[in-house]
Full PDB file with SEQRES, HELIX, SHEET, SSBOND, CRYST1, ORIGX, SCALE, CONECT and MASTER records, all heavy atoms in Angstrom:
SEQRES   1 A   35  ARG GLN ASN LEU ARG LEU LYS ASP MET PRO ILE TYR PHE          
SEQRES   2 A   35  ASN ASP GLY PHE GLY THR LEU GLU ASP MET GLU VAL ASP          
SEQRES   3 A   35  THR PHE LEU ASN SER ARG PHE ARG GLY                          
HELIX    1 AA1 LEU A    6  ASP A    8  5                                   3    
HELIX    2 AA2 ASP A   22  PHE A   33  1                                  12    
CRYST1    1.000    1.000    1.000  90.00  90.00  90.00 P 1           1          
ORIGX1      1.000000  0.000000  0.000000        0.00000                         
ORIGX2      0.000000  1.000000  0.000000        0.00000                         
ORIGX3      0.000000  0.000000  1.000000        0.00000                         
SCALE1      1.000000  0.000000  0.000000        0.00000                         
SCALE2      0.000000  1.000000  0.000000        0.00000                         
SCALE3      0.000000  0.000000  1.000000        0.00000                         
ATOM      1  N   ARG A   1     -15.641   1.230 -10.203  1.00  0.00           N  
ATOM      2  CA  ARG A   1     -16.604   0.417  -9.437  1.00  0.00           C  
ATOM      3  C   ARG A   1     -17.215   1.357  -8.349  1.00  0.00           C  
ATOM      4  O   ARG A   1     -16.570   2.174  -7.736  1.00  0.00           O  
ATOM      5  CB  ARG A   1     -15.938  -0.773  -8.739  1.00  0.00           C  
ATOM      6  CG  ARG A   1     -15.417  -1.794  -9.798  1.00  0.00           C  
ATOM      7  CD  ARG A   1     -14.556  -2.795  -9.128  1.00  0.00           C  
ATOM      8  NE  ARG A   1     -15.397  -3.652  -8.257  1.00  0.00           N  
ATOM      9  CZ  ARG A   1     -14.942  -4.613  -7.466  1.00  0.00           C  
ATOM     10  NH1 ARG A   1     -13.592  -4.869  -7.484  1.00  0.00           N  
ATOM     11  NH2 ARG A   1     -15.730  -5.352  -6.700  1.00  0.00           N  
ATOM     12  N   GLN A   2     -18.486   1.178  -8.119  1.00  0.00           N  
ATOM     13  CA  GLN A   2     -19.219   2.023  -7.210  1.00  0.00           C  
ATOM     14  C   GLN A   2     -19.393   1.445  -5.853  1.00  0.00           C  
ATOM     15  O   GLN A   2     -19.371   0.216  -5.645  1.00  0.00           O  
ATOM     16  CB  GLN A   2     -20.630   2.354  -7.788  1.00  0.00           C  
ATOM     17  CG  GLN A   2     -20.566   3.023  -9.175  1.00  0.00           C  
ATOM     18  CD  GLN A   2     -19.900   4.366  -9.155  1.00  0.00           C  
ATOM     19  OE1 GLN A   2     -20.148   5.197  -8.322  1.00  0.00           O  
ATOM     20  NE2 GLN A   2     -19.015   4.622 -10.151  1.00  0.00           N  
ATOM     21  N   ASN A   3     -19.530   2.300  -4.868  1.00  0.00           N  
ATOM     22  CA  ASN A   3     -19.911   1.915  -3.496  1.00  0.00           C  
ATOM     23  C   ASN A   3     -18.930   0.945  -2.849  1.00  0.00           C  
ATOM     24  O   ASN A   3     -19.316   0.062  -2.078  1.00  0.00           O  
ATOM     25  CB  ASN A   3     -21.338   1.276  -3.459  1.00  0.00           C  
ATOM     26  CG  ASN A   3     -22.387   2.171  -4.067  1.00  0.00           C  
ATOM     27  OD1 ASN A   3     -22.335   3.411  -3.797  1.00  0.00           O  
ATOM     28  ND2 ASN A   3     -23.254   1.644  -4.853  1.00  0.00           N  
ATOM     29  N   LEU A   4     -17.678   1.085  -3.191  1.00  0.00           N  
ATOM     30  CA  LEU A   4     -16.639   0.297  -2.564  1.00  0.00           C  
ATOM     31  C   LEU A   4     -16.015   1.003  -1.343  1.00  0.00           C  
ATOM     32  O   LEU A   4     -15.694   2.225  -1.473  1.00  0.00           O  
ATOM     33  CB  LEU A   4     -15.547  -0.117  -3.492  1.00  0.00           C  
ATOM     34  CG  LEU A   4     -15.836  -1.278  -4.435  1.00  0.00           C  
ATOM     35  CD1 LEU A   4     -14.594  -1.499  -5.377  1.00  0.00           C  
ATOM     36  CD2 LEU A   4     -16.133  -2.519  -3.684  1.00  0.00           C  
ATOM     37  N   ARG A   5     -15.831   0.320  -0.260  1.00  0.00           N  
ATOM     38  CA  ARG A   5     -15.130   0.893   0.886  1.00  0.00           C  
ATOM     39  C   ARG A   5     -13.631   0.791   0.648  1.00  0.00           C  
ATOM     40  O   ARG A   5     -13.169  -0.169   0.092  1.00  0.00           O  
ATOM     41  CB  ARG A   5     -15.577   0.227   2.151  1.00  0.00           C  
ATOM     42  CG  ARG A   5     -17.043   0.378   2.470  1.00  0.00           C  
ATOM     43  CD  ARG A   5     -17.446  -0.501   3.617  1.00  0.00           C  
ATOM     44  NE  ARG A   5     -17.169  -1.957   3.302  1.00  0.00           N  
ATOM     45  CZ  ARG A   5     -17.362  -2.918   4.171  1.00  0.00           C  
ATOM     46  NH1 ARG A   5     -17.816  -2.718   5.409  1.00  0.00           N  
ATOM     47  NH2 ARG A   5     -17.089  -4.141   3.842  1.00  0.00           N  
ATOM     48  N   LEU A   6     -12.873   1.666   1.220  1.00  0.00           N  
ATOM     49  CA  LEU A   6     -11.440   1.693   1.069  1.00  0.00           C  
ATOM     50  C   LEU A   6     -10.817   0.337   1.529  1.00  0.00           C  
ATOM     51  O   LEU A   6      -9.931  -0.204   0.932  1.00  0.00           O  
ATOM     52  CB  LEU A   6     -10.796   2.884   1.797  1.00  0.00           C  
ATOM     53  CG  LEU A   6      -9.300   3.020   1.693  1.00  0.00           C  
ATOM     54  CD1 LEU A   6      -8.851   3.142   0.254  1.00  0.00           C  
ATOM     55  CD2 LEU A   6      -8.754   4.143   2.556  1.00  0.00           C  
ATOM     56  N   LYS A   7     -11.376  -0.171   2.626  1.00  0.00           N  
ATOM     57  CA  LYS A   7     -10.791  -1.414   3.209  1.00  0.00           C  
ATOM     58  C   LYS A   7     -11.066  -2.605   2.290  1.00  0.00           C  
ATOM     59  O   LYS A   7     -10.435  -3.661   2.511  1.00  0.00           O  
ATOM     60  CB  LYS A   7     -11.343  -1.633   4.586  1.00  0.00           C  
ATOM     61  CG  LYS A   7     -12.817  -2.004   4.703  1.00  0.00           C  
ATOM     62  CD  LYS A   7     -13.214  -2.299   6.126  1.00  0.00           C  
ATOM     63  CE  LYS A   7     -14.647  -2.745   6.259  1.00  0.00           C  
ATOM     64  NZ  LYS A   7     -14.986  -3.049   7.656  1.00  0.00           N  
ATOM     65  N   ASP A   8     -11.984  -2.499   1.358  1.00  0.00           N  
ATOM     66  CA  ASP A   8     -12.251  -3.606   0.456  1.00  0.00           C  
ATOM     67  C   ASP A   8     -11.440  -3.523  -0.872  1.00  0.00           C  
ATOM     68  O   ASP A   8     -11.531  -4.392  -1.682  1.00  0.00           O  
ATOM     69  CB  ASP A   8     -13.753  -3.607   0.050  1.00  0.00           C  
ATOM     70  CG  ASP A   8     -14.658  -3.866   1.259  1.00  0.00           C  
ATOM     71  OD1 ASP A   8     -14.250  -4.670   2.126  1.00  0.00           O  
ATOM     72  OD2 ASP A   8     -15.745  -3.262   1.271  1.00  0.00           O  
ATOM     73  N   MET A   9     -10.640  -2.435  -0.961  1.00  0.00           N  
ATOM     74  CA  MET A   9      -9.846  -2.234  -2.200  1.00  0.00           C  
ATOM     75  C   MET A   9      -8.424  -2.758  -2.039  1.00  0.00           C  
ATOM     76  O   MET A   9      -7.791  -2.473  -1.054  1.00  0.00           O  
ATOM     77  CB  MET A   9      -9.878  -0.784  -2.515  1.00  0.00           C  
ATOM     78  CG  MET A   9     -11.193  -0.174  -2.767  1.00  0.00           C  
ATOM     79  SD  MET A   9     -11.071   1.587  -3.149  1.00  0.00           S  
ATOM     80  CE  MET A   9     -12.770   2.087  -3.212  1.00  0.00           C  
ATOM     81  N   PRO A  10      -7.920  -3.473  -3.059  1.00  0.00           N  
ATOM     82  CA  PRO A  10      -6.501  -3.868  -3.029  1.00  0.00           C  
ATOM     83  C   PRO A  10      -5.639  -2.696  -3.397  1.00  0.00           C  
ATOM     84  O   PRO A  10      -6.043  -1.832  -4.181  1.00  0.00           O  
ATOM     85  CB  PRO A  10      -6.442  -4.980  -4.114  1.00  0.00           C  
ATOM     86  CG  PRO A  10      -7.554  -4.666  -5.035  1.00  0.00           C  
ATOM     87  CD  PRO A  10      -8.652  -4.014  -4.174  1.00  0.00           C  
ATOM     88  N   ILE A  11      -4.449  -2.669  -2.863  1.00  0.00           N  
ATOM     89  CA  ILE A  11      -3.464  -1.599  -3.172  1.00  0.00           C  
ATOM     90  C   ILE A  11      -2.246  -2.270  -3.704  1.00  0.00           C  
ATOM     91  O   ILE A  11      -1.686  -3.191  -3.068  1.00  0.00           O  
ATOM     92  CB  ILE A  11      -3.154  -0.765  -1.949  1.00  0.00           C  
ATOM     93  CG1 ILE A  11      -4.332   0.125  -1.535  1.00  0.00           C  
ATOM     94  CG2 ILE A  11      -1.952   0.140  -2.226  1.00  0.00           C  
ATOM     95  CD1 ILE A  11      -4.134   0.915  -0.317  1.00  0.00           C  
ATOM     96  N   TYR A  12      -1.749  -1.831  -4.837  1.00  0.00           N  
ATOM     97  CA  TYR A  12      -0.534  -2.388  -5.455  1.00  0.00           C  
ATOM     98  C   TYR A  12       0.496  -1.286  -5.442  1.00  0.00           C  
ATOM     99  O   TYR A  12       0.255  -0.171  -5.893  1.00  0.00           O  
ATOM    100  CB  TYR A  12      -0.835  -2.873  -6.891  1.00  0.00           C  
ATOM    101  CG  TYR A  12      -1.806  -3.987  -6.931  1.00  0.00           C  
ATOM    102  CD1 TYR A  12      -3.176  -3.700  -7.062  1.00  0.00           C  
ATOM    103  CD2 TYR A  12      -1.440  -5.306  -6.756  1.00  0.00           C  
ATOM    104  CE1 TYR A  12      -4.131  -4.719  -7.093  1.00  0.00           C  
ATOM    105  CE2 TYR A  12      -2.352  -6.351  -6.799  1.00  0.00           C  
ATOM    106  CZ  TYR A  12      -3.725  -6.063  -6.926  1.00  0.00           C  
ATOM    107  OH  TYR A  12      -4.608  -7.042  -6.938  1.00  0.00           O  
ATOM    108  N   PHE A  13       1.654  -1.656  -4.963  1.00  0.00           N  
ATOM    109  CA  PHE A  13       2.742  -0.613  -4.821  1.00  0.00           C  
ATOM    110  C   PHE A  13       4.025  -1.124  -5.441  1.00  0.00           C  
ATOM    111  O   PHE A  13       4.419  -2.236  -5.219  1.00  0.00           O  
ATOM    112  CB  PHE A  13       2.920  -0.337  -3.307  1.00  0.00           C  
ATOM    113  CG  PHE A  13       3.992   0.706  -3.042  1.00  0.00           C  
ATOM    114  CD1 PHE A  13       3.692   2.057  -2.996  1.00  0.00           C  
ATOM    115  CD2 PHE A  13       5.313   0.306  -2.837  1.00  0.00           C  
ATOM    116  CE1 PHE A  13       4.671   3.007  -2.752  1.00  0.00           C  
ATOM    117  CE2 PHE A  13       6.297   1.280  -2.613  1.00  0.00           C  
ATOM    118  CZ  PHE A  13       5.992   2.565  -2.570  1.00  0.00           C  
ATOM    119  N   ASN A  14       4.652  -0.256  -6.246  1.00  0.00           N  
ATOM    120  CA  ASN A  14       5.931  -0.589  -6.852  1.00  0.00           C  
ATOM    121  C   ASN A  14       6.707   0.676  -6.894  1.00  0.00           C  
ATOM    122  O   ASN A  14       6.276   1.682  -7.482  1.00  0.00           O  
ATOM    123  CB  ASN A  14       5.733  -1.167  -8.260  1.00  0.00           C  
ATOM    124  CG  ASN A  14       7.000  -1.564  -8.912  1.00  0.00           C  
ATOM    125  OD1 ASN A  14       8.115  -1.281  -8.415  1.00  0.00           O  
ATOM    126  ND2 ASN A  14       6.916  -2.263 -10.036  1.00  0.00           N  
ATOM    127  N   ASP A  15       7.854   0.689  -6.253  1.00  0.00           N  
ATOM    128  CA  ASP A  15       8.723   1.926  -6.247  1.00  0.00           C  
ATOM    129  C   ASP A  15       9.490   2.057  -7.480  1.00  0.00           C  
ATOM    130  O   ASP A  15      10.276   2.985  -7.646  1.00  0.00           O  
ATOM    131  CB  ASP A  15       9.580   1.969  -4.963  1.00  0.00           C  
ATOM    132  CG  ASP A  15      10.729   1.002  -5.003  1.00  0.00           C  
ATOM    133  OD1 ASP A  15      10.643   0.001  -5.760  1.00  0.00           O  
ATOM    134  OD2 ASP A  15      11.681   1.171  -4.246  1.00  0.00           O  
ATOM    135  N   GLY A  16       9.349   1.128  -8.433  1.00  0.00           N  
ATOM    136  CA  GLY A  16       9.965   1.265  -9.718  1.00  0.00           C  
ATOM    137  C   GLY A  16      11.313   0.626  -9.923  1.00  0.00           C  
ATOM    138  O   GLY A  16      11.490  -0.199 -10.773  1.00  0.00           O  
ATOM    139  N   PHE A  17      12.274   1.016  -9.041  1.00  0.00           N  
ATOM    140  CA  PHE A  17      13.622   0.544  -9.237  1.00  0.00           C  
ATOM    141  C   PHE A  17      14.260  -0.004  -8.017  1.00  0.00           C  
ATOM    142  O   PHE A  17      15.469  -0.100  -7.917  1.00  0.00           O  
ATOM    143  CB  PHE A  17      14.497   1.749  -9.767  1.00  0.00           C  
ATOM    144  CG  PHE A  17      14.104   2.261 -11.125  1.00  0.00           C  
ATOM    145  CD1 PHE A  17      13.117   3.260 -11.217  1.00  0.00           C  
ATOM    146  CD2 PHE A  17      14.587   1.659 -12.235  1.00  0.00           C  
ATOM    147  CE1 PHE A  17      12.747   3.707 -12.432  1.00  0.00           C  
ATOM    148  CE2 PHE A  17      14.175   2.136 -13.503  1.00  0.00           C  
ATOM    149  CZ  PHE A  17      13.237   3.157 -13.611  1.00  0.00           C  
ATOM    150  N   GLY A  18      13.425  -0.431  -7.055  1.00  0.00           N  
ATOM    151  CA  GLY A  18      13.985  -1.084  -5.867  1.00  0.00           C  
ATOM    152  C   GLY A  18      14.775  -0.152  -4.993  1.00  0.00           C  
ATOM    153  O   GLY A  18      15.730  -0.554  -4.332  1.00  0.00           O  
ATOM    154  N   THR A  19      14.381   1.121  -4.957  1.00  0.00           N  
ATOM    155  CA  THR A  19      15.132   2.093  -4.171  1.00  0.00           C  
ATOM    156  C   THR A  19      14.666   2.074  -2.713  1.00  0.00           C  
ATOM    157  O   THR A  19      15.312   2.712  -1.881  1.00  0.00           O  
ATOM    158  CB  THR A  19      14.971   3.532  -4.769  1.00  0.00           C  
ATOM    159  OG1 THR A  19      13.574   3.819  -4.909  1.00  0.00           O  
ATOM    160  CG2 THR A  19      15.613   3.574  -6.149  1.00  0.00           C  
ATOM    161  N   LEU A  20      13.587   1.444  -2.443  1.00  0.00           N  
ATOM    162  CA  LEU A  20      13.106   1.369  -1.062  1.00  0.00           C  
ATOM    163  C   LEU A  20      13.297  -0.047  -0.546  1.00  0.00           C  
ATOM    164  O   LEU A  20      13.053  -1.032  -1.280  1.00  0.00           O  
ATOM    165  CB  LEU A  20      11.628   1.739  -0.951  1.00  0.00           C  
ATOM    166  CG  LEU A  20      11.255   3.148  -1.212  1.00  0.00           C  
ATOM    167  CD1 LEU A  20       9.725   3.314  -1.193  1.00  0.00           C  
ATOM    168  CD2 LEU A  20      11.827   4.142  -0.185  1.00  0.00           C  
ATOM    169  N   GLU A  21      13.793  -0.242   0.679  1.00  0.00           N  
ATOM    170  CA  GLU A  21      13.891  -1.562   1.226  1.00  0.00           C  
ATOM    171  C   GLU A  21      12.506  -2.062   1.558  1.00  0.00           C  
ATOM    172  O   GLU A  21      11.550  -1.283   1.762  1.00  0.00           O  
ATOM    173  CB  GLU A  21      14.706  -1.516   2.499  1.00  0.00           C  
ATOM    174  CG  GLU A  21      16.173  -1.036   2.302  1.00  0.00           C  
ATOM    175  CD  GLU A  21      16.982  -2.049   1.473  1.00  0.00           C  
ATOM    176  OE1 GLU A  21      16.593  -3.233   1.516  1.00  0.00           O  
ATOM    177  OE2 GLU A  21      17.875  -1.610   0.810  1.00  0.00           O  
ATOM    178  N   ASP A  22      12.368  -3.414   1.645  1.00  0.00           N  
ATOM    179  CA  ASP A  22      11.088  -3.972   1.927  1.00  0.00           C  
ATOM    180  C   ASP A  22      10.486  -3.462   3.191  1.00  0.00           C  
ATOM    181  O   ASP A  22       9.274  -3.221   3.335  1.00  0.00           O  
ATOM    182  CB  ASP A  22      11.206  -5.536   2.008  1.00  0.00           C  
ATOM    183  CG  ASP A  22      11.490  -6.176   0.657  1.00  0.00           C  
ATOM    184  OD1 ASP A  22      11.153  -5.480  -0.319  1.00  0.00           O  
ATOM    185  OD2 ASP A  22      11.877  -7.291   0.576  1.00  0.00           O  
ATOM    186  N   MET A  23      11.350  -3.302   4.242  1.00  0.00           N  
ATOM    187  CA  MET A  23      10.826  -2.805   5.529  1.00  0.00           C  
ATOM    188  C   MET A  23      10.217  -1.418   5.379  1.00  0.00           C  
ATOM    189  O   MET A  23       9.263  -1.064   6.015  1.00  0.00           O  
ATOM    190  CB  MET A  23      11.940  -2.805   6.560  1.00  0.00           C  
ATOM    191  CG  MET A  23      11.511  -2.393   7.909  1.00  0.00           C  
ATOM    192  SD  MET A  23      10.320  -3.592   8.633  1.00  0.00           S  
ATOM    193  CE  MET A  23      11.393  -5.011   8.960  1.00  0.00           C  
ATOM    194  N   GLU A  24      10.897  -0.592   4.543  1.00  0.00           N  
ATOM    195  CA  GLU A  24      10.393   0.788   4.368  1.00  0.00           C  
ATOM    196  C   GLU A  24       9.043   0.798   3.715  1.00  0.00           C  
ATOM    197  O   GLU A  24       8.116   1.545   4.068  1.00  0.00           O  
ATOM    198  CB  GLU A  24      11.395   1.646   3.529  1.00  0.00           C  
ATOM    199  CG  GLU A  24      12.725   1.903   4.226  1.00  0.00           C  
ATOM    200  CD  GLU A  24      13.644   2.651   3.362  1.00  0.00           C  
ATOM    201  OE1 GLU A  24      14.109   2.087   2.363  1.00  0.00           O  
ATOM    202  OE2 GLU A  24      13.929   3.864   3.584  1.00  0.00           O  
ATOM    203  N   VAL A  25       8.904  -0.072   2.683  1.00  0.00           N  
ATOM    204  CA  VAL A  25       7.592  -0.168   2.004  1.00  0.00           C  
ATOM    205  C   VAL A  25       6.507  -0.643   3.006  1.00  0.00           C  
ATOM    206  O   VAL A  25       5.386  -0.081   3.004  1.00  0.00           O  
ATOM    207  CB  VAL A  25       7.727  -1.181   0.770  1.00  0.00           C  
ATOM    208  CG1 VAL A  25       6.310  -1.421   0.172  1.00  0.00           C  
ATOM    209  CG2 VAL A  25       8.665  -0.613  -0.237  1.00  0.00           C  
ATOM    210  N   ASP A  26       6.852  -1.707   3.738  1.00  0.00           N  
ATOM    211  CA  ASP A  26       5.863  -2.214   4.750  1.00  0.00           C  
ATOM    212  C   ASP A  26       5.484  -1.124   5.736  1.00  0.00           C  
ATOM    213  O   ASP A  26       4.305  -0.967   6.057  1.00  0.00           O  
ATOM    214  CB  ASP A  26       6.482  -3.422   5.431  1.00  0.00           C  
ATOM    215  CG  ASP A  26       5.449  -4.141   6.266  1.00  0.00           C  
ATOM    216  OD1 ASP A  26       4.518  -4.698   5.703  1.00  0.00           O  
ATOM    217  OD2 ASP A  26       5.614  -4.174   7.539  1.00  0.00           O  
ATOM    218  N   THR A  27       6.458  -0.362   6.220  1.00  0.00           N  
ATOM    219  CA  THR A  27       6.184   0.713   7.180  1.00  0.00           C  
ATOM    220  C   THR A  27       5.295   1.781   6.565  1.00  0.00           C  
ATOM    221  O   THR A  27       4.329   2.255   7.148  1.00  0.00           O  
ATOM    222  CB  THR A  27       7.465   1.304   7.690  1.00  0.00           C  
ATOM    223  OG1 THR A  27       8.284   0.301   8.306  1.00  0.00           O  
ATOM    224  CG2 THR A  27       7.196   2.468   8.683  1.00  0.00           C  
ATOM    225  N   PHE A  28       5.608   2.148   5.298  1.00  0.00           N  
ATOM    226  CA  PHE A  28       4.867   3.133   4.604  1.00  0.00           C  
ATOM    227  C   PHE A  28       3.402   2.748   4.486  1.00  0.00           C  
ATOM    228  O   PHE A  28       2.459   3.468   4.784  1.00  0.00           O  
ATOM    229  CB  PHE A  28       5.493   3.386   3.227  1.00  0.00           C  
ATOM    230  CG  PHE A  28       4.597   4.225   2.336  1.00  0.00           C  
ATOM    231  CD1 PHE A  28       4.663   5.657   2.387  1.00  0.00           C  
ATOM    232  CD2 PHE A  28       3.804   3.702   1.364  1.00  0.00           C  
ATOM    233  CE1 PHE A  28       3.900   6.465   1.593  1.00  0.00           C  
ATOM    234  CE2 PHE A  28       3.007   4.467   0.532  1.00  0.00           C  
ATOM    235  CZ  PHE A  28       3.113   5.813   0.644  1.00  0.00           C  
ATOM    236  N   LEU A  29       3.147   1.523   4.026  1.00  0.00           N  
ATOM    237  CA  LEU A  29       1.785   1.042   3.765  1.00  0.00           C  
ATOM    238  C   LEU A  29       1.055   0.847   5.107  1.00  0.00           C  
ATOM    239  O   LEU A  29      -0.137   1.186   5.179  1.00  0.00           O  
ATOM    240  CB  LEU A  29       1.813  -0.233   2.945  1.00  0.00           C  
ATOM    241  CG  LEU A  29       2.297  -0.089   1.502  1.00  0.00           C  
ATOM    242  CD1 LEU A  29       2.442  -1.451   0.851  1.00  0.00           C  
ATOM    243  CD2 LEU A  29       1.349   0.777   0.751  1.00  0.00           C  
ATOM    244  N   ASN A  30       1.731   0.254   6.068  1.00  0.00           N  
ATOM    245  CA  ASN A  30       1.107   0.069   7.395  1.00  0.00           C  
ATOM    246  C   ASN A  30       0.663   1.331   7.983  1.00  0.00           C  
ATOM    247  O   ASN A  30      -0.504   1.433   8.568  1.00  0.00           O  
ATOM    248  CB  ASN A  30       2.073  -0.673   8.329  1.00  0.00           C  
ATOM    249  CG  ASN A  30       1.903  -2.157   8.347  1.00  0.00           C  
ATOM    250  OD1 ASN A  30       0.767  -2.618   8.591  1.00  0.00           O  
ATOM    251  ND2 ASN A  30       2.916  -2.892   8.084  1.00  0.00           N  
ATOM    252  N   SER A  31       1.484   2.406   7.928  1.00  0.00           N  
ATOM    253  CA  SER A  31       1.165   3.673   8.555  1.00  0.00           C  
ATOM    254  C   SER A  31      -0.021   4.359   7.924  1.00  0.00           C  
ATOM    255  O   SER A  31      -0.756   5.114   8.597  1.00  0.00           O  
ATOM    256  CB  SER A  31       2.367   4.582   8.558  1.00  0.00           C  
ATOM    257  OG  SER A  31       2.689   4.942   7.190  1.00  0.00           O  
ATOM    258  N   ARG A  32      -0.290   4.074   6.673  1.00  0.00           N  
ATOM    259  CA  ARG A  32      -1.365   4.781   5.994  1.00  0.00           C  
ATOM    260  C   ARG A  32      -2.617   3.945   5.717  1.00  0.00           C  
ATOM    261  O   ARG A  32      -3.721   4.476   5.636  1.00  0.00           O  
ATOM    262  CB  ARG A  32      -0.838   5.308   4.611  1.00  0.00           C  
ATOM    263  CG  ARG A  32       0.116   6.471   4.865  1.00  0.00           C  
ATOM    264  CD  ARG A  32       0.979   6.672   3.593  1.00  0.00           C  
ATOM    265  NE  ARG A  32       1.830   7.849   3.788  1.00  0.00           N  
ATOM    266  CZ  ARG A  32       2.896   7.903   4.547  1.00  0.00           C  
ATOM    267  NH1 ARG A  32       3.292   6.801   5.164  1.00  0.00           N  
ATOM    268  NH2 ARG A  32       3.605   9.040   4.593  1.00  0.00           N  
ATOM    269  N   PHE A  33      -2.467   2.618   5.599  1.00  0.00           N  
ATOM    270  CA  PHE A  33      -3.574   1.810   5.109  1.00  0.00           C  
ATOM    271  C   PHE A  33      -3.972   0.666   5.983  1.00  0.00           C  
ATOM    272  O   PHE A  33      -4.917  -0.046   5.689  1.00  0.00           O  
ATOM    273  CB  PHE A  33      -3.300   1.305   3.705  1.00  0.00           C  
ATOM    274  CG  PHE A  33      -3.033   2.414   2.699  1.00  0.00           C  
ATOM    275  CD1 PHE A  33      -1.775   2.541   2.111  1.00  0.00           C  
ATOM    276  CD2 PHE A  33      -4.011   3.291   2.334  1.00  0.00           C  
ATOM    277  CE1 PHE A  33      -1.532   3.528   1.185  1.00  0.00           C  
ATOM    278  CE2 PHE A  33      -3.796   4.272   1.427  1.00  0.00           C  
ATOM    279  CZ  PHE A  33      -2.529   4.413   0.858  1.00  0.00           C  
ATOM    280  N   ARG A  34      -3.196   0.337   7.024  1.00  0.00           N  
ATOM    281  CA  ARG A  34      -3.528  -0.804   7.828  1.00  0.00           C  
ATOM    282  C   ARG A  34      -4.929  -0.623   8.412  1.00  0.00           C  
ATOM    283  O   ARG A  34      -5.257   0.377   9.033  1.00  0.00           O  
ATOM    284  CB  ARG A  34      -2.499  -0.986   8.991  1.00  0.00           C  
ATOM    285  CG  ARG A  34      -2.826  -2.070   9.956  1.00  0.00           C  
ATOM    286  CD  ARG A  34      -2.843  -3.460   9.235  1.00  0.00           C  
ATOM    287  NE  ARG A  34      -1.562  -3.889   8.788  1.00  0.00           N  
ATOM    288  CZ  ARG A  34      -1.339  -4.899   8.000  1.00  0.00           C  
ATOM    289  NH1 ARG A  34      -2.343  -5.590   7.589  1.00  0.00           N  
ATOM    290  NH2 ARG A  34      -0.085  -5.228   7.665  1.00  0.00           N  
ATOM    291  N   GLY A  35      -5.756  -1.590   8.180  1.00  0.00           N  
ATOM    292  CA  GLY A  35      -7.171  -1.524   8.686  1.00  0.00           C  
ATOM    293  C   GLY A  35      -8.076  -0.724   7.742  1.00  0.00           C  
ATOM    294  O   GLY A  35      -9.316  -0.755   7.929  1.00  0.00           O  
TER     295      GLY A  35                                                      
MASTER        0    0    0    2    0    0    0    6  294    1    0    3          
END                                                                             
C-alpha cells in the first residue's frame, strides 16, 4: 500500500513461544512505536 504513515499502520507481534512476559512485550512496543 502506498502513502501510508507509520502511525496508520497496525503492528502484529508474536514472540513465537511465549518466552516474553506480557509486560515485556508492552514495554518493547511502547518504547518504539507509541504515537
